[in-house]
Amino acid sequence: MALVKATDTITVIEGYDAVRVFLETVWRRHDKPVDEIAFMLGALKWADGSPVDPTVWQDWLAAVQIAASAGPGEIAAGRSPRCHGVRAR
């Protein structure tokens, strides 16, 4: 497996799975139940080809849209629009 570079691109689904893996890794690193992360991990799991919580998928798509339209470094610099109330179509 090749190392991932910051300039590599992934699909929306791969990004979704990456967030789930990232949260699970952080959760396990703490070696104790963290209710908020455990709740989110449950909502992010796949069941029959879609996330258990369809609202989480819509929130994810909205976040992807915001990140994709913001441009490199805009979100990290705090110059991106907030995603409160934004829904993907």
PDB file of N, CA and C in Angstrom:
ATOM      1  N   MET A   1       0.842  -1.181   0.000  1.00  0.00           N
ATOM      2  CA  MET A   1       0.000   0.000   0.000  1.00  0.00           C
ATOM      3  C   MET A   1       0.883   1.238   0.000  1.00  0.00           C
ATOM      4  N   ALA A   2       0.647   2.131  -0.929  1.00  0.00           N
ATOM      5  CA  ALA A   2       1.434   3.360  -1.038  1.00  0.00           C
ATOM      6  C   ALA A   2       1.020   4.356   0.045  1.00  0.00           C
ATOM      7  N   LEU A   3       1.970   5.154   0.457  1.00  0.00           N
ATOM      8  CA  LEU A   3       1.663   6.199   1.426  1.00  0.00           C
ATOM      9  C   LEU A   3       0.803   7.277   0.780  1.00  0.00           C
ATOM     10  N   VAL A   4      -0.129   7.791   1.524  1.00  0.00           N
ATOM     11  CA  VAL A   4      -1.015   8.827   1.033  1.00  0.00           C
ATOM     12  C   VAL A   4      -0.321  10.180   1.188  1.00  0.00           C
ATOM     13  N   LYS A   5      -0.444  10.998   0.145  1.00  0.00           N
ATOM     14  CA  LYS A   5       0.103  12.354   0.187  1.00  0.00           C
ATOM     15  C   LYS A   5      -1.042  13.339   0.379  1.00  0.00           C
ATOM     16  N   ALA A   6      -0.735  14.503   0.906  1.00  0.00           N
ATOM     17  CA  ALA A   6      -1.763  15.516   1.153  1.00  0.00           C
ATOM     18  C   ALA A   6      -2.477  15.939  -0.122  1.00  0.00           C
ATOM     19  N   THR A   7      -1.864  15.782  -1.255  1.00  0.00           N
ATOM     20  CA  THR A   7      -2.466  16.194  -2.528  1.00  0.00           C
ATOM     21  C   THR A   7      -3.238  15.072  -3.213  1.00  0.00           C
ATOM     22  N   ASP A   8      -3.241  13.863  -2.655  1.00  0.00           N
ATOM     23  CA  ASP A   8      -4.004  12.755  -3.224  1.00  0.00           C
ATOM     24  C   ASP A   8      -5.496  13.028  -3.100  1.00  0.00           C
ATOM     25  N   THR A   9      -6.273  12.459  -3.990  1.00  0.00           N
ATOM     26  CA  THR A   9      -7.724  12.593  -3.914  1.00  0.00           C
ATOM     27  C   THR A   9      -8.349  11.226  -3.666  1.00  0.00           C
ATOM     28  N   ILE A  10      -9.525  11.265  -3.033  1.00  0.00           N
ATOM     29  CA  ILE A  10     -10.283  10.054  -2.759  1.00  0.00           C
ATOM     30  C   ILE A  10     -11.736  10.328  -3.109  1.00  0.00           C
ATOM     31  N   THR A  11     -12.517   9.270  -3.205  1.00  0.00           N
ATOM     32  CA  THR A  11     -13.938   9.434  -3.493  1.00  0.00           C
ATOM     33  C   THR A  11     -14.680   9.903  -2.243  1.00  0.00           C
ATOM     34  N   VAL A  12     -15.884  10.347  -2.432  1.00  0.00           N
ATOM     35  CA  VAL A  12     -16.727  10.763  -1.312  1.00  0.00           C
ATOM     36  C   VAL A  12     -16.952   9.590  -0.363  1.00  0.00           C
ATOM     37  N   ILE A  13     -17.183   8.406  -0.907  1.00  0.00           N
ATOM     38  CA  ILE A  13     -17.393   7.223  -0.065  1.00  0.00           C
ATOM     39  C   ILE A  13     -16.114   6.867   0.688  1.00  0.00           C
ATOM     40  N   GLU A  14     -14.968   6.929   0.029  1.00  0.00           N
ATOM     41  CA  GLU A  14     -13.695   6.661   0.718  1.00  0.00           C
ATOM     42  C   GLU A  14     -13.456   7.673   1.825  1.00  0.00           C
ATOM     43  N   GLY A  15     -13.816   8.922   1.587  1.00  0.00           N
ATOM     44  CA  GLY A  15     -13.677   9.952   2.614  1.00  0.00           C
ATOM     45  C   GLY A  15     -14.566   9.667   3.811  1.00  0.00           C
ATOM     46  N   TYR A  16     -15.782   9.239   3.540  1.00  0.00           N
ATOM     47  CA  TYR A  16     -16.725   8.884   4.598  1.00  0.00           C
ATOM     48  C   TYR A  16     -16.150   7.754   5.449  1.00  0.00           C
ATOM     49  N   ASP A  17     -15.659   6.713   4.769  1.00  0.00           N
ATOM     50  CA  ASP A  17     -15.055   5.600   5.495  1.00  0.00           C
ATOM     51  C   ASP A  17     -13.813   6.047   6.254  1.00  0.00           C
ATOM     52  N   ALA A  18     -13.043   6.970   5.688  1.00  0.00           N
ATOM     53  CA  ALA A  18     -11.842   7.472   6.364  1.00  0.00           C
ATOM     54  C   ALA A  18     -12.202   8.182   7.663  1.00  0.00           C
ATOM     55  N   VAL A  19     -13.270   8.962   7.640  1.00  0.00           N
ATOM     56  CA  VAL A  19     -13.707   9.643   8.866  1.00  0.00           C
ATOM     57  C   VAL A  19     -14.115   8.622   9.913  1.00  0.00           C
ATOM     58  N   ARG A  20     -14.843   7.595   9.475  1.00  0.00           N
ATOM     59  CA  ARG A  20     -15.269   6.554  10.422  1.00  0.00           C
ATOM     60  C   ARG A  20     -14.066   5.841  11.031  1.00  0.00           C
ATOM     61  N   VAL A  21     -13.093   5.485  10.205  1.00  0.00           N
ATOM     62  CA  VAL A  21     -11.880   4.817  10.693  1.00  0.00           C
ATOM     63  C   VAL A  21     -11.105   5.746  11.630  1.00  0.00           C
ATOM     64  N   PHE A  22     -11.010   7.019  11.259  1.00  0.00           N
ATOM     65  CA  PHE A  22     -10.308   7.992  12.096  1.00  0.00           C
ATOM     66  C   PHE A  22     -10.959   8.103  13.474  1.00  0.00           C
ATOM     67  N   LEU A  23     -12.291   8.254  13.508  1.00  0.00           N
ATOM     68  CA  LEU A  23     -12.980   8.373  14.789  1.00  0.00           C
ATOM     69  C   LEU A  23     -12.823   7.114  15.628  1.00  0.00           C
ATOM     70  N   GLU A  24     -12.898   5.955  14.988  1.00  0.00           N
ATOM     71  CA  GLU A  24     -12.731   4.702  15.729  1.00  0.00           C
ATOM     72  C   GLU A  24     -11.320   4.587  16.291  1.00  0.00           C
ATOM     73  N   THR A  25     -10.323   5.010  15.533  1.00  0.00           N
ATOM     74  CA  THR A  25      -8.935   4.975  16.001  1.00  0.00           C
ATOM     75  C   THR A  25      -8.756   5.866  17.225  1.00  0.00           C
ATOM     76  N   VAL A  26      -9.307   7.072  17.170  1.00  0.00           N
ATOM     77  CA  VAL A  26      -9.216   7.994  18.317  1.00  0.00           C
ATOM     78  C   VAL A  26      -9.944   7.405  19.508  1.00  0.00           C
ATOM     79  N   TRP A  27     -11.118   6.842  19.267  1.00  0.00           N
ATOM     80  CA  TRP A  27     -11.915   6.250  20.332  1.00  0.00           C
ATOM     81  C   TRP A  27     -11.142   5.130  21.027  1.00  0.00           C
ATOM     82  N   ARG A  28     -10.520   4.250  20.246  1.00  0.00           N
ATOM     83  CA  ARG A  28      -9.756   3.138  20.823  1.00  0.00           C
ATOM     84  C   ARG A  28      -8.492   3.620  21.535  1.00  0.00           C
ATOM     85  N   ARG A  29      -7.866   4.654  21.014  1.00  0.00           N
ATOM     86  CA  ARG A  29      -6.648   5.187  21.623  1.00  0.00           C
ATOM     87  C   ARG A  29      -6.911   5.647  23.054  1.00  0.00           C
ATOM     88  N   HIS A  30      -8.102   6.185  23.299  1.00  0.00           N
ATOM     89  CA  HIS A  30      -8.445   6.638  24.647  1.00  0.00           C
ATOM     90  C   HIS A  30      -8.706   5.470  25.585  1.00  0.00           C
ATOM     91  N   ASP A  31      -8.868   4.277  25.014  1.00  0.00           N
ATOM     92  CA  ASP A  31      -9.027   3.039  25.778  1.00  0.00           C
ATOM     93  C   ASP A  31     -10.155   3.102  26.802  1.00  0.00           C
ATOM     94  N   LYS A  32     -11.164   3.846  26.479  1.00  0.00           N
ATOM     95  CA  LYS A  32     -12.339   3.904  27.330  1.00  0.00           C
ATOM     96  C   LYS A  32     -13.506   4.383  26.495  1.00  0.00           C
ATOM     97  N   PRO A  33     -14.717   4.027  26.886  1.00  0.00           N
ATOM     98  CA  PRO A  33     -15.867   4.466  26.104  1.00  0.00           C
ATOM     99  C   PRO A  33     -16.020   5.987  26.151  1.00  0.00           C
ATOM    100  N   VAL A  34     -16.152   6.576  25.011  1.00  0.00           N
ATOM    101  CA  VAL A  34     -16.457   7.997  24.904  1.00  0.00           C
ATOM    102  C   VAL A  34     -17.812   8.055  24.211  1.00  0.00           C
ATOM    103  N   ASP A  35     -18.843   8.356  24.984  1.00  0.00           N
ATOM    104  CA  ASP A  35     -20.215   8.230  24.490  1.00  0.00           C
ATOM    105  C   ASP A  35     -20.471   8.960  23.176  1.00  0.00           C
ATOM    106  N   GLU A  36     -19.960  10.175  23.044  1.00  0.00           N
ATOM    107  CA  GLU A  36     -20.229  10.940  21.836  1.00  0.00           C
ATOM    108  C   GLU A  36     -19.624  10.269  20.606  1.00  0.00           C
ATOM    109  N   ILE A  37     -18.406   9.778  20.720  1.00  0.00           N
ATOM    110  CA  ILE A  37     -17.752   9.129  19.584  1.00  0.00           C
ATOM    111  C   ILE A  37     -18.406   7.777  19.314  1.00  0.00           C
ATOM    112  N   ALA A  38     -18.732   7.034  20.361  1.00  0.00           N
ATOM    113  CA  ALA A  38     -19.381   5.737  20.182  1.00  0.00           C
ATOM    114  C   ALA A  38     -20.728   5.909  19.480  1.00  0.00           C
ATOM    115  N   PHE A  39     -21.472   6.925  19.847  1.00  0.00           N
ATOM    116  CA  PHE A  39     -22.759   7.209  19.212  1.00  0.00           C
ATOM    117  C   PHE A  39     -22.559   7.521  17.728  1.00  0.00           C
ATOM    118  N   MET A  40     -21.583   8.351  17.409  1.00  0.00           N
ATOM    119  CA  MET A  40     -21.321   8.724  16.021  1.00  0.00           C
ATOM    120  C   MET A  40     -20.846   7.520  15.215  1.00  0.00           C
ATOM    121  N   LEU A  41     -19.984   6.691  15.808  1.00  0.00           N
ATOM    122  CA  LEU A  41     -19.515   5.493  15.104  1.00  0.00           C
ATOM    123  C   LEU A  41     -20.685   4.591  14.729  1.00  0.00           C
ATOM    124  N   GLY A  42     -21.642   4.463  15.626  1.00  0.00           N
ATOM    125  CA  GLY A  42     -22.818   3.657  15.334  1.00  0.00           C
ATOM    126  C   GLY A  42     -23.614   4.227  14.172  1.00  0.00           C
ATOM    127  N   ALA A  43     -23.749   5.533  14.121  1.00  0.00           N
ATOM    128  CA  ALA A  43     -24.498   6.186  13.051  1.00  0.00           C
ATOM    129  C   ALA A  43     -23.773   6.099  11.715  1.00  0.00           C
ATOM    130  N   LEU A  44     -22.436   6.016  11.737  1.00  0.00           N
ATOM    131  CA  LEU A  44     -21.636   5.993  10.518  1.00  0.00           C
ATOM    132  C   LEU A  44     -21.529   4.612   9.877  1.00  0.00           C
ATOM    133  N   LYS A  45     -21.892   3.570  10.596  1.00  0.00           N
ATOM    134  CA  LYS A  45     -21.756   2.217  10.049  1.00  0.00           C
ATOM    135  C   LYS A  45     -22.663   2.030   8.843  1.00  0.00           C
ATOM    136  N   TRP A  46     -22.232   1.107   7.967  1.00  0.00           N
ATOM    137  CA  TRP A  46     -23.001   0.788   6.765  1.00  0.00           C
ATOM    138  C   TRP A  46     -23.960  -0.364   7.047  1.00  0.00           C
ATOM    139  N   ALA A  47     -25.154  -0.293   6.491  1.00  0.00           N
ATOM    140  CA  ALA A  47     -26.135  -1.375   6.564  1.00  0.00           C
ATOM    141  C   ALA A  47     -26.880  -1.413   5.235  1.00  0.00           C
ATOM    142  N   ASP A  48     -26.800  -2.509   4.558  1.00  0.00           N
ATOM    143  CA  ASP A  48     -27.485  -2.682   3.273  1.00  0.00           C
ATOM    144  C   ASP A  48     -27.112  -1.602   2.259  1.00  0.00           C
ATOM    145  N   GLY A  49     -25.832  -1.231   2.233  1.00  0.00           N
ATOM    146  CA  GLY A  49     -25.346  -0.292   1.224  1.00  0.00           C
ATOM    147  C   GLY A  49     -25.513   1.177   1.536  1.00  0.00           C
ATOM    148  N   SER A  50     -26.019   1.501   2.716  1.00  0.00           N
ATOM    149  CA  SER A  50     -26.134   2.908   3.097  1.00  0.00           C
ATOM    150  C   SER A  50     -25.874   3.038   4.598  1.00  0.00           C
ATOM    151  N   PRO A  51     -25.519   4.258   5.045  1.00  0.00           N
ATOM    152  CA  PRO A  51     -25.275   4.443   6.475  1.00  0.00           C
ATOM    153  C   PRO A  51     -26.519   4.144   7.307  1.00  0.00           C
ATOM    154  N   VAL A  52     -26.289   3.669   8.522  1.00  0.00           N
ATOM    155  CA  VAL A  52     -27.380   3.357   9.439  1.00  0.00           C
ATOM    156  C   VAL A  52     -28.272   4.591   9.634  1.00  0.00           C
ATOM    157  N   ASP A  53     -27.666   5.745   9.763  1.00  0.00           N
ATOM    158  CA  ASP A  53     -28.399   7.002   9.943  1.00  0.00           C
ATOM    159  C   ASP A  53     -28.300   7.811   8.656  1.00  0.00           C
ATOM    160  N   PRO A  54     -29.351   7.858   7.842  1.00  0.00           N
ATOM    161  CA  PRO A  54     -29.277   8.572   6.565  1.00  0.00           C
ATOM    162  C   PRO A  54     -29.013  10.067   6.727  1.00  0.00           C
ATOM    163  N   THR A  55     -29.372  10.644   7.858  1.00  0.00           N
ATOM    164  CA  THR A  55     -29.106  12.059   8.096  1.00  0.00           C
ATOM    165  C   THR A  55     -27.605  12.319   8.161  1.00  0.00           C
ATOM    166  N   VAL A  56     -26.862  11.383   8.729  1.00  0.00           N
ATOM    167  CA  VAL A  56     -25.400  11.522   8.801  1.00  0.00           C
ATOM    168  C   VAL A  56     -24.815  11.554   7.392  1.00  0.00           C
ATOM    169  N   TRP A  57     -25.351  10.740   6.491  1.00  0.00           N
ATOM    170  CA  TRP A  57     -24.864  10.731   5.108  1.00  0.00           C
ATOM    171  C   TRP A  57     -25.134  12.090   4.450  1.00  0.00           C
ATOM    172  N   GLN A  58     -26.315  12.649   4.665  1.00  0.00           N
ATOM    173  CA  GLN A  58     -26.637  13.963   4.107  1.00  0.00           C
ATOM    174  C   GLN A  58     -25.717  15.042   4.689  1.00  0.00           C
ATOM    175  N   ASP A  59     -25.451  14.956   5.985  1.00  0.00           N
ATOM    176  CA  ASP A  59     -24.515  15.898   6.605  1.00  0.00           C
ATOM    177  C   ASP A  59     -23.116  15.744   6.017  1.00  0.00           C
ATOM    178  N   TRP A  60     -22.729  14.491   5.758  1.00  0.00           N
ATOM    179  CA  TRP A  60     -21.418  14.220   5.168  1.00  0.00           C
ATOM    180  C   TRP A  60     -21.331  14.829   3.772  1.00  0.00           C
ATOM    181  N   LEU A  61     -22.352  14.623   2.955  1.00  0.00           N
ATOM    182  CA  LEU A  61     -22.353  15.183   1.603  1.00  0.00           C
ATOM    183  C   LEU A  61     -22.289  16.710   1.632  1.00  0.00           C
ATOM    184  N   ALA A  62     -22.990  17.318   2.583  1.00  0.00           N
ATOM    185  CA  ALA A  62     -22.936  18.777   2.724  1.00  0.00           C
ATOM    186  C   ALA A  62     -21.526  19.225   3.099  1.00  0.00           C
ATOM    187  N   ALA A  63     -20.890  18.490   4.003  1.00  0.00           N
ATOM    188  CA  ALA A  63     -19.520  18.820   4.412  1.00  0.00           C
ATOM    189  C   ALA A  63     -18.551  18.681   3.243  1.00  0.00           C
ATOM    190  N   VAL A  64     -18.738  17.639   2.435  1.00  0.00           N
ATOM    191  CA  VAL A  64     -17.897  17.438   1.251  1.00  0.00           C
ATOM    192  C   VAL A  64     -18.080  18.604   0.289  1.00  0.00           C
ATOM    193  N   GLN A  65     -19.314  19.016   0.068  1.00  0.00           N
ATOM    194  CA  GLN A  65     -19.590  20.138  -0.834  1.00  0.00           C
ATOM    195  C   GLN A  65     -18.906  21.412  -0.343  1.00  0.00           C
ATOM    196  N   ILE A  66     -19.000  21.684   0.934  1.00  0.00           N
ATOM    197  CA  ILE A  66     -18.373  22.873   1.509  1.00  0.00           C
ATOM    198  C   ILE A  66     -16.861  22.800   1.367  1.00  0.00           C
ATOM    199  N   ALA A  67     -16.298  21.647   1.706  1.00  0.00           N
ATOM    200  CA  ALA A  67     -14.845  21.484   1.614  1.00  0.00           C
ATOM    201  C   ALA A  67     -14.362  21.588   0.177  1.00  0.00           C
ATOM    202  N   ALA A  68     -15.105  20.985  -0.753  1.00  0.00           N
ATOM    203  CA  ALA A  68     -14.701  21.001  -2.164  1.00  0.00           C
ATOM    204  C   ALA A  68     -14.788  22.399  -2.758  1.00  0.00           C
ATOM    205  N   SER A  69     -15.761  23.171  -2.338  1.00  0.00           N
ATOM    206  CA  SER A  69     -15.926  24.507  -2.904  1.00  0.00           C
ATOM    207  C   SER A  69     -15.065  25.552  -2.195  1.00  0.00           C
ATOM    208  N   ALA A  70     -14.562  25.231  -1.005  1.00  0.00           N
ATOM    209  CA  ALA A  70     -13.778  26.200  -0.235  1.00  0.00           C
ATOM    210  C   ALA A  70     -12.391  26.415  -0.806  1.00  0.00           C
ATOM    211  N   GLY A  71     -11.816  25.382  -1.384  1.00  0.00           N
ATOM    212  CA  GLY A  71     -10.457  25.508  -1.893  1.00  0.00           C
ATOM    213  C   GLY A  71      -9.443  25.114  -0.836  1.00  0.00           C
ATOM    214  N   PRO A  72      -8.241  24.766  -1.290  1.00  0.00           N
ATOM    215  CA  PRO A  72      -7.195  24.296  -0.379  1.00  0.00           C
ATOM    216  C   PRO A  72      -6.859  25.321   0.714  1.00  0.00           C
ATOM    217  N   GLY A  73      -6.872  24.866   1.942  1.00  0.00           N
ATOM    218  CA  GLY A  73      -6.459  25.685   3.073  1.00  0.00           C
ATOM    219  C   GLY A  73      -7.500  26.658   3.594  1.00  0.00           C
ATOM    220  N   GLU A  74      -8.620  26.827   2.887  1.00  0.00           N
ATOM    221  CA  GLU A  74      -9.624  27.801   3.315  1.00  0.00           C
ATOM    222  C   GLU A  74     -10.296  27.398   4.620  1.00  0.00           C
ATOM    223  N   ILE A  75     -10.608  26.131   4.762  1.00  0.00           N
ATOM    224  CA  ILE A  75     -11.266  25.673   5.984  1.00  0.00           C
ATOM    225  C   ILE A  75     -10.306  25.767   7.159  1.00  0.00           C
ATOM    226  N   ALA A  76      -9.068  25.305   6.973  1.00  0.00           N
ATOM    227  CA  ALA A  76      -8.070  25.374   8.040  1.00  0.00           C
ATOM    228  C   ALA A  76      -7.802  26.813   8.453  1.00  0.00           C
ATOM    229  N   ALA A  77      -7.891  27.734   7.509  1.00  0.00           N
ATOM    230  CA  ALA A  77      -7.654  29.146   7.801  1.00  0.00           C
ATOM    231  C   ALA A  77      -8.891  29.836   8.359  1.00  0.00           C
ATOM    232  N   GLY A  78      -9.996  29.113   8.477  1.00  0.00           N
ATOM    233  CA  GLY A  78     -11.217  29.681   9.024  1.00  0.00           C
ATOM    234  C   GLY A  78     -11.958  30.585   8.052  1.00  0.00           C
ATOM    235  N   ARG A  79     -11.693  30.447   6.764  1.00  0.00           N
ATOM    236  CA  ARG A  79     -12.336  31.309   5.768  1.00  0.00           C
ATOM    237  C   ARG A  79     -13.412  30.569   4.982  1.00  0.00           C
ATOM    238  N   SER A  80     -13.928  29.506   5.528  1.00  0.00           N
ATOM    239  CA  SER A  80     -14.958  28.737   4.838  1.00  0.00           C
ATOM    240  C   SER A  80     -16.315  29.046   5.449  1.00  0.00           C
ATOM    241  N   PRO A  81     -17.370  29.013   4.645  1.00  0.00           N
ATOM    242  CA  PRO A  81     -18.706  29.200   5.220  1.00  0.00           C
ATOM    243  C   PRO A  81     -19.027  28.072   6.192  1.00  0.00           C
ATOM    244  N   ARG A  82     -19.788  28.368   7.180  1.00  0.00           N
ATOM    245  CA  ARG A  82     -20.197  27.356   8.165  1.00  0.00           C
ATOM    246  C   ARG A  82     -21.201  26.411   7.535  1.00  0.00           C
ATOM    247  N   CYS A  83     -21.239  25.193   8.037  1.00  0.00           N
ATOM    248  CA  CYS A  83     -22.145  24.194   7.460  1.00  0.00           C
ATOM    249  C   CYS A  83     -23.429  24.051   8.280  1.00  0.00           C
ATOM    250  N   HIS A  84     -23.673  24.923   9.250  1.00  0.00           N
ATOM    251  CA  HIS A  84     -24.892  24.817  10.053  1.00  0.00           C
ATOM    252  C   HIS A  84     -26.114  24.929   9.165  1.00  0.00           C
ATOM    253  N   GLY A  85     -26.941  23.906   9.207  1.00  0.00           N
ATOM    254  CA  GLY A  85     -28.181  23.920   8.476  1.00  0.00           C
ATOM    255  C   GLY A  85     -28.061  23.611   6.989  1.00  0.00           C
ATOM    256  N   VAL A  86     -26.871  23.353   6.496  1.00  0.00           N
ATOM    257  CA  VAL A  86     -26.671  23.060   5.074  1.00  0.00           C
ATOM    258  C   VAL A  86     -26.975  21.597   4.823  1.00  0.00           C
ATOM    259  N   ARG A  87     -27.731  21.308   3.795  1.00  0.00           N
ATOM    260  CA  ARG A  87     -28.067  19.944   3.430  1.00  0.00           C
ATOM    261  C   ARG A  87     -27.678  19.704   1.978  1.00  0.00           C
ATOM    262  N   ALA A  88     -27.140  18.521   1.703  1.00  0.00           N
ATOM    263  CA  ALA A  88     -26.827  18.148   0.321  1.00  0.00           C
ATOM    264  C   ALA A  88     -28.130  17.848  -0.404  1.00  0.00           C
ATOM    265  N   ARG A  89     -28.127  18.017  -1.705  1.00  0.00           N
ATOM    266  CA  ARG A  89     -29.335  17.722  -2.507  1.00  0.00           C
ATOM    267  C   ARG A  89     -29.148  16.466  -3.266  1.00  0.00           C
TER     268      ARG A  89
END
